Protein backbone atom coordinates (compact mmCIF):
# COMPACT_ATOMS: atom_id res chain seq x y z
CA MET A 1 90.44 83.94 95.57
CA ARG A 2 89.27 86.80 97.74
CA LEU A 3 90.68 90.28 97.20
CA LEU A 4 92.32 90.44 100.64
CA GLU A 5 94.06 87.10 100.06
CA LYS A 6 95.39 88.37 96.75
CA ILE A 7 96.66 91.62 98.30
CA ASN A 8 98.29 89.80 101.22
CA ARG A 9 100.58 87.93 98.85
CA PHE A 10 102.77 91.03 99.14
CA PRO A 11 102.44 92.24 102.74
CA PRO A 12 103.50 95.77 103.78
CA ARG A 13 107.03 94.72 104.74
CA ILE A 14 107.61 93.19 101.33
CA VAL A 15 106.24 96.30 99.59
CA ARG A 16 108.71 98.32 101.67
CA LEU A 17 111.56 96.10 100.49
CA ILE A 18 110.52 96.58 96.89
CA ALA A 19 110.65 100.35 97.39
CA ALA A 20 114.07 100.14 99.08
CA ASP A 21 115.38 103.11 97.12
CA LEU A 22 112.75 105.39 98.73
CA THR A 23 112.83 106.69 102.28
CA THR A 24 109.77 106.52 104.50
CA ARG A 25 109.58 110.30 104.25
CA GLN A 26 109.52 110.19 100.45
CA ILE A 27 106.78 107.56 100.50
CA ALA A 28 104.78 109.69 102.95
CA LEU A 29 105.13 112.76 100.73
CA ARG A 30 104.13 110.84 97.59
CA SER A 31 101.13 109.23 99.28
CA GLY A 32 99.97 112.27 101.26
CA ILE A 33 99.85 110.19 104.45
CA PRO A 34 101.71 111.16 107.66
CA ARG A 35 105.15 109.57 108.00
CA SER A 36 104.25 107.97 111.33
CA THR A 37 101.27 106.22 109.74
CA VAL A 38 103.38 104.99 106.84
CA HIS A 39 105.97 103.67 109.30
CA GLN A 40 103.30 101.86 111.35
CA VAL A 41 101.82 100.26 108.21
CA PHE A 42 105.23 98.92 107.15
CA LEU A 43 105.61 97.18 110.51
CA LYS A 44 102.46 95.12 109.93
CA ASP A 45 102.49 91.51 108.73
CA ASP A 46 99.46 91.91 106.45
CA TRP A 47 97.00 94.46 105.06
CA ASN A 48 94.04 93.24 107.18
CA GLN A 49 94.04 96.19 109.61
CA VAL A 50 94.83 98.84 106.98
CA THR A 51 92.06 100.75 105.20
CA ASN A 52 91.69 100.35 101.45
CA GLU A 53 92.52 104.01 100.83
CA VAL A 54 95.75 103.87 102.83
CA THR A 55 96.74 100.58 101.19
CA ASP A 56 96.17 102.02 97.73
CA ARG A 57 97.99 105.28 98.41
CA ILE A 58 101.03 103.63 99.99
CA THR A 59 101.42 100.95 97.34
CA MET A 60 101.05 103.46 94.52
CA ALA A 61 103.65 105.71 96.18
CA CYS A 62 105.99 102.70 96.27
CA GLY A 63 105.30 101.91 92.62
CA VAL A 64 103.57 98.62 93.39
CA ASN A 65 100.20 97.51 92.02
CA LEU A 66 98.92 94.62 94.11
CA LEU A 67 96.16 93.66 91.68
CA THR A 68 98.22 93.00 88.57
CA HIS A 69 98.65 89.86 86.53
CA LYS A 70 101.02 86.96 87.21
CA ARG A 71 103.77 88.47 85.10
CA HIS A 72 103.88 91.61 87.21
CA ARG A 73 103.91 89.56 90.42
CA GLN A 74 106.86 87.60 89.01
CA ASN A 75 108.68 90.86 88.34
CA LEU A 76 108.10 91.86 91.97
CA LYS A 77 109.53 88.54 93.14
CA ASN A 78 112.58 89.08 90.93
CA ARG A 79 113.09 92.52 92.46
CA LEU A 80 113.01 90.94 95.90
CA ARG A 81 115.75 88.53 94.86
CA SER A 82 117.90 91.47 93.78
CA ILE A 83 117.74 92.89 97.32
CA GLY A 84 120.73 90.67 98.10
CA LYS A 85 122.82 92.77 95.73
CA LEU A 86 121.64 95.91 97.51
CA ALA A 87 122.78 94.52 100.86
CA LYS A 88 126.42 94.70 99.75
CA ARG A 89 126.24 98.48 99.20
CA ILE A 90 124.33 99.68 102.24
CA LYS A 91 125.39 101.10 105.60
CA PRO A 92 125.27 98.99 108.79
CA THR A 93 122.12 100.73 110.04
CA GLN A 94 120.39 100.11 106.72
CA ARG A 95 121.56 96.49 106.79
CA LYS A 96 119.99 96.09 110.25
CA MET A 97 116.65 97.34 108.87
CA LEU A 98 116.98 95.08 105.83
CA ASN A 99 117.63 92.04 108.03
CA ARG A 100 114.59 92.90 110.16
CA LEU A 101 112.41 93.23 107.08
CA MET A 102 113.74 90.04 105.50
CA SER A 103 112.87 88.08 108.63
CA VAL A 104 109.16 88.43 107.82
CA LYS A 105 107.41 85.22 106.71
CA ALA A 106 106.90 84.98 102.96
CA ALA A 107 103.26 85.01 101.90
């Protein structure tokens, strides 16, 4: 399996869902990348048009390592399943964003 195929198993929108407890501003500060760039990356369907450095910095800021073993990927999938619990506690504007992010095709 090629590296890009492996990374695209968790596209930017899914990484954003995993880091749901962080704001885009916090992710930008942690990664050292402008907030507008971080926002644009999270709107993408895959990592194909994102440089390796930006991909690495954003995923590390979100606490996600895209190159880990199966067990870690399973943990990420479990965290995605728990997003449903989060949806019960969030504000309507946050729910709208969550619904938009959840509408992305699973990789």
